[in-house]
Amino acid sequence: MTNIALFTGGIIDTWQGDFDFYVGVDRGSLFLLEQNLPLNMAIGDFDSVSETELDCIKKEAQNFYLAKPEKNDTDTEMALKLIFSQYPKAKVTIFGALGGRIDHELSNLFLPSDPELYPMMEQITLCNAQNHICFYPKGKHLVEKVPNMTYVSFMTNDNNHLAIIGAKYELTKQLFFKKQIYTSNEFINQPITIDVSSGYAIVIQSKDRS
């Protein structure tokens, strides 16, 4: 399995991990160069960089893909589709997807709503200093606690039912109440089991700002 780090043009307040391949999306390409990290792939319409910066990205990128500004996909969606076309089993951790423009953030939270990305949702993780976000399709899944995170929240993409078992606050048929997002739950020294009736679930592990 190829372990890939994808850096977008949003706020990158932290990053960590041992990666095999580094992808820069738009201005995220500059971040990789500034950090002296490999720029294995650069992709985007690059509307947020200057001509000089773009020339530098073109020069340093091992693979460069320039998109037209008028397109159906966001730069991040386009990058993921390109990555999975080349590395179908890759695990992709995205940095810079949270904390910037709210429309970009919401688009990233609902990446699996794209039919082409839905099958790979479990291979995608969004990270910043306070949040670790994963996606789970229809069915039963075991959610492990991420070190240094305090809370866990659960959200579904539509009006589907969700069961939460083994958490501090369980959600079962007997204890069910309908909300779009179930926030501020906690692990109790064991993994949490979730059962998604349809669509997919967004699982957010988070902590307070230090």
Protein backbone atom coordinates (compact mmCIF):
# COMPACT_ATOMS: atom_id res chain seq x y z
CA MET A 1 0.00 0.00 0.00
CA THR A 2 1.36 3.40 -0.99
CA ASN A 3 1.18 6.01 1.79
CA ILE A 4 0.55 9.43 0.24
CA ALA A 5 0.52 12.91 1.79
CA LEU A 6 -1.60 15.49 -0.03
CA PHE A 7 -1.10 19.16 0.84
CA THR A 8 -3.79 21.61 -0.26
CA GLY A 9 -3.63 25.38 -0.42
CA GLY A 10 -5.49 25.84 2.88
CA ILE A 11 -4.17 26.33 6.40
CA ILE A 12 -1.44 23.78 7.19
CA ASP A 13 -0.89 24.10 10.94
CA THR A 14 0.69 20.69 11.39
CA TRP A 15 1.71 17.59 9.48
CA GLN A 16 3.30 14.33 10.43
CA GLY A 17 3.76 10.83 9.15
CA ASP A 18 6.02 8.59 7.12
CA PHE A 19 4.98 8.94 3.49
CA ASP A 20 6.07 7.36 0.23
CA PHE A 21 4.74 10.09 -2.06
CA TYR A 22 4.02 13.82 -1.69
CA VAL A 23 1.38 15.69 -3.66
CA GLY A 24 0.90 19.45 -3.73
CA VAL A 25 -2.49 20.89 -4.67
CA ASP A 26 -2.25 24.45 -5.93
CA ARG A 27 -0.49 26.51 -3.21
CA GLY A 28 0.18 23.35 -1.23
CA SER A 29 2.97 22.70 -3.73
CA LEU A 30 4.82 25.75 -2.41
CA PHE A 31 4.51 24.45 1.15
CA LEU A 32 6.26 21.23 0.15
CA LEU A 33 9.10 23.16 -1.47
CA GLU A 34 9.43 25.46 1.54
CA GLN A 35 9.66 22.42 3.83
CA ASN A 36 12.30 20.79 1.59
CA LEU A 37 9.97 17.87 0.97
CA PRO A 38 9.71 16.05 -2.37
CA LEU A 39 7.19 17.44 -4.82
CA ASN A 40 6.34 14.15 -6.51
CA MET A 41 3.17 15.58 -8.02
CA ALA A 42 1.77 19.11 -8.38
CA ILE A 43 -1.80 19.59 -9.54
CA GLY A 44 -4.36 22.39 -9.71
CA ASP A 45 -5.34 25.49 -11.60
CA PHE A 46 -2.75 27.42 -9.56
CA ASP A 47 -4.87 30.56 -9.40
CA SER A 48 -3.50 31.32 -5.91
CA VAL A 49 0.19 31.55 -6.89
CA SER A 50 2.19 34.15 -8.81
CA GLU A 51 3.77 33.50 -12.19
CA THR A 52 7.19 33.30 -10.55
CA GLU A 53 5.92 30.79 -7.98
CA LEU A 54 4.25 28.76 -10.72
CA ASP A 55 7.48 28.62 -12.70
CA CYS A 56 9.25 27.32 -9.59
CA ILE A 57 6.59 24.64 -9.06
CA LYS A 58 6.82 23.54 -12.70
CA LYS A 59 10.60 23.29 -12.41
CA GLU A 60 10.64 21.29 -9.17
CA ALA A 61 7.63 19.00 -9.64
CA GLN A 62 8.38 15.49 -10.83
CA ASN A 63 4.88 15.38 -12.33
CA PHE A 64 2.93 18.55 -13.12
CA TYR A 65 -0.77 18.78 -14.01
CA LEU A 66 -2.35 22.13 -14.89
CA ALA A 67 -6.15 22.27 -14.74
CA LYS A 68 -8.48 24.81 -16.27
CA PRO A 69 -10.14 27.10 -13.68
CA GLU A 70 -13.55 26.19 -15.17
CA LYS A 71 -14.06 22.58 -14.08
CA ASN A 72 -16.59 20.39 -12.29
CA ASP A 73 -14.18 19.13 -9.61
CA THR A 74 -12.33 21.05 -6.92
CA ASP A 75 -8.55 20.86 -7.14
CA THR A 76 -8.55 18.41 -4.23
CA GLU A 77 -11.15 16.15 -5.84
CA MET A 78 -9.21 16.21 -9.09
CA ALA A 79 -5.97 15.35 -7.27
CA LEU A 80 -7.58 12.41 -5.45
CA LYS A 81 -9.03 11.00 -8.66
CA LEU A 82 -5.64 11.23 -10.35
CA ILE A 83 -3.91 9.60 -7.36
CA PHE A 84 -6.37 6.71 -7.20
CA SER A 85 -6.17 6.18 -10.97
CA GLN A 86 -2.44 5.57 -10.53
CA TYR A 87 -2.44 4.06 -7.02
CA PRO A 88 -5.84 2.37 -6.49
CA LYS A 89 -4.93 1.00 -3.04
CA ALA A 90 -3.19 4.14 -1.75
CA LYS A 91 -3.84 5.61 1.67
CA VAL A 92 -4.10 9.41 1.35
CA THR A 93 -3.72 11.82 4.26
CA ILE A 94 -4.81 15.36 3.41
CA PHE A 95 -3.31 18.39 5.17
CA GLY A 96 -4.64 21.92 4.71
CA ALA A 97 -8.23 20.82 4.06
CA LEU A 98 -9.63 22.34 7.27
CA GLY A 99 -9.77 25.77 8.86
CA GLY A 100 -9.76 27.94 5.75
CA ARG A 101 -12.66 28.89 3.49
CA ILE A 102 -15.83 27.28 4.83
CA ASP A 103 -16.98 26.24 1.33
CA HIS A 104 -13.69 24.43 0.77
CA GLU A 105 -13.90 22.82 4.21
CA LEU A 106 -17.45 21.56 3.63
CA SER A 107 -16.48 20.27 0.19
CA ASN A 108 -13.66 18.30 1.82
CA LEU A 109 -15.94 16.94 4.55
CA PHE A 110 -18.24 15.55 1.87
CA LEU A 111 -15.61 14.18 -0.52
CA PRO A 112 -17.28 10.72 -0.59
CA SER A 113 -20.43 12.30 -2.06
CA ASP A 114 -18.55 12.20 -5.38
CA PRO A 115 -19.44 8.80 -6.89
CA GLU A 116 -15.87 8.34 -8.14
CA LEU A 117 -14.43 8.83 -4.65
CA TYR A 118 -17.11 6.95 -2.70
CA PRO A 119 -15.46 3.51 -3.16
CA MET A 120 -12.14 4.85 -1.80
CA MET A 121 -13.50 6.84 1.16
CA GLU A 122 -11.86 4.60 3.77
CA GLN A 123 -8.50 5.36 2.18
CA ILE A 124 -8.87 9.12 2.82
CA THR A 125 -8.05 10.97 6.06
CA LEU A 126 -8.21 14.71 6.76
CA CYS A 127 -5.85 16.09 9.41
CA ASN A 128 -4.95 19.33 11.13
CA ALA A 129 -3.68 20.23 14.60
CA GLN A 130 -7.07 19.71 16.25
CA ASN A 131 -8.90 17.21 14.07
CA HIS A 132 -8.57 13.76 12.53
CA ILE A 133 -11.40 12.88 10.14
CA CYS A 134 -12.21 9.53 8.53
CA PHE A 135 -15.07 8.21 6.40
CA TYR A 136 -17.00 4.94 6.71
CA PRO A 137 -19.46 3.50 4.16
CA LYS A 138 -22.66 1.57 4.79
CA GLY A 139 -22.13 -1.28 7.22
CA LYS A 140 -20.54 -2.02 10.59
CA HIS A 141 -17.09 -0.62 11.42
CA LEU A 142 -14.63 -0.51 14.32
CA VAL A 143 -13.28 2.97 15.14
CA GLU A 144 -9.94 3.11 16.97
CA LYS A 145 -8.94 6.07 19.15
CA VAL A 146 -6.36 8.41 17.64
CA PRO A 147 -3.62 9.25 20.18
CA ASN A 148 -3.75 12.79 21.63
CA MET A 149 -7.36 13.36 20.55
CA THR A 150 -10.00 13.87 23.25
CA TYR A 151 -13.45 13.80 21.65
CA VAL A 152 -15.16 11.85 18.91
CA SER A 153 -18.16 13.03 16.88
CA PHE A 154 -20.28 11.29 14.27
CA MET A 155 -22.09 12.71 11.28
CA THR A 156 -24.04 11.12 8.42
CA ASN A 157 -24.33 12.45 4.91
CA ASP A 158 -28.10 12.07 4.64
CA ASN A 159 -31.16 11.08 6.66
CA ASN A 160 -29.75 7.65 7.49
CA HIS A 161 -29.69 5.87 10.83
CA LEU A 162 -26.50 5.44 12.80
CA ALA A 163 -25.73 3.15 15.73
CA ILE A 164 -22.86 3.97 18.11
CA ILE A 165 -21.81 1.14 20.44
CA GLY A 166 -19.09 1.08 23.08
CA ALA A 167 -18.74 4.86 23.44
CA LYS A 168 -19.40 6.89 26.57
CA TYR A 169 -22.75 7.92 25.05
CA GLU A 170 -24.30 5.14 22.98
CA LEU A 171 -26.81 5.53 20.18
CA THR A 172 -29.00 2.45 19.77
CA LYS A 173 -32.54 1.62 18.72
CA GLN A 174 -33.57 1.93 22.36
CA LEU A 175 -31.71 5.23 22.88
CA PHE A 176 -32.14 6.69 19.39
CA PHE A 177 -32.65 10.38 18.68
CA LYS A 178 -32.18 12.00 15.30
CA LYS A 179 -29.55 14.67 14.75
CA GLN A 180 -27.36 15.59 11.79
CA ILE A 181 -24.24 15.38 13.94
CA TYR A 182 -23.64 13.67 17.29
CA THR A 183 -20.88 15.68 18.94
CA SER A 184 -18.51 15.47 21.91
CA ASN A 185 -18.65 11.76 22.56
CA GLU A 186 -15.70 9.94 24.12
CA PHE A 187 -13.87 6.62 24.01
CA ILE A 188 -13.94 4.47 27.16
CA ASN A 189 -10.72 2.45 26.85
CA GLN A 190 -12.00 0.42 23.92
CA PRO A 191 -12.74 0.83 20.21
CA ILE A 192 -16.17 2.13 19.22
CA THR A 193 -18.43 0.20 16.86
CA ILE A 194 -20.60 2.15 14.42
CA ASP A 195 -23.30 0.77 12.14
CA VAL A 196 -24.21 2.95 9.15
CA SER A 197 -27.58 2.11 7.58
CA SER A 198 -26.91 3.83 4.23
CA GLY A 199 -24.70 6.42 2.59
CA TYR A 200 -21.68 7.04 4.77
CA ALA A 201 -20.57 8.39 8.15
CA ILE A 202 -18.00 11.07 8.93
CA VAL A 203 -16.07 10.35 12.13
CA ILE A 204 -14.29 13.36 13.64
CA GLN A 205 -11.75 12.89 16.44
CA SER A 206 -10.77 16.23 17.92
CA LYS A 207 -9.28 18.13 20.82
CA ASP A 208 -9.49 21.63 22.24
CA ARG A 209 -7.02 24.27 21.11
CA SER A 210 -4.04 24.32 23.47
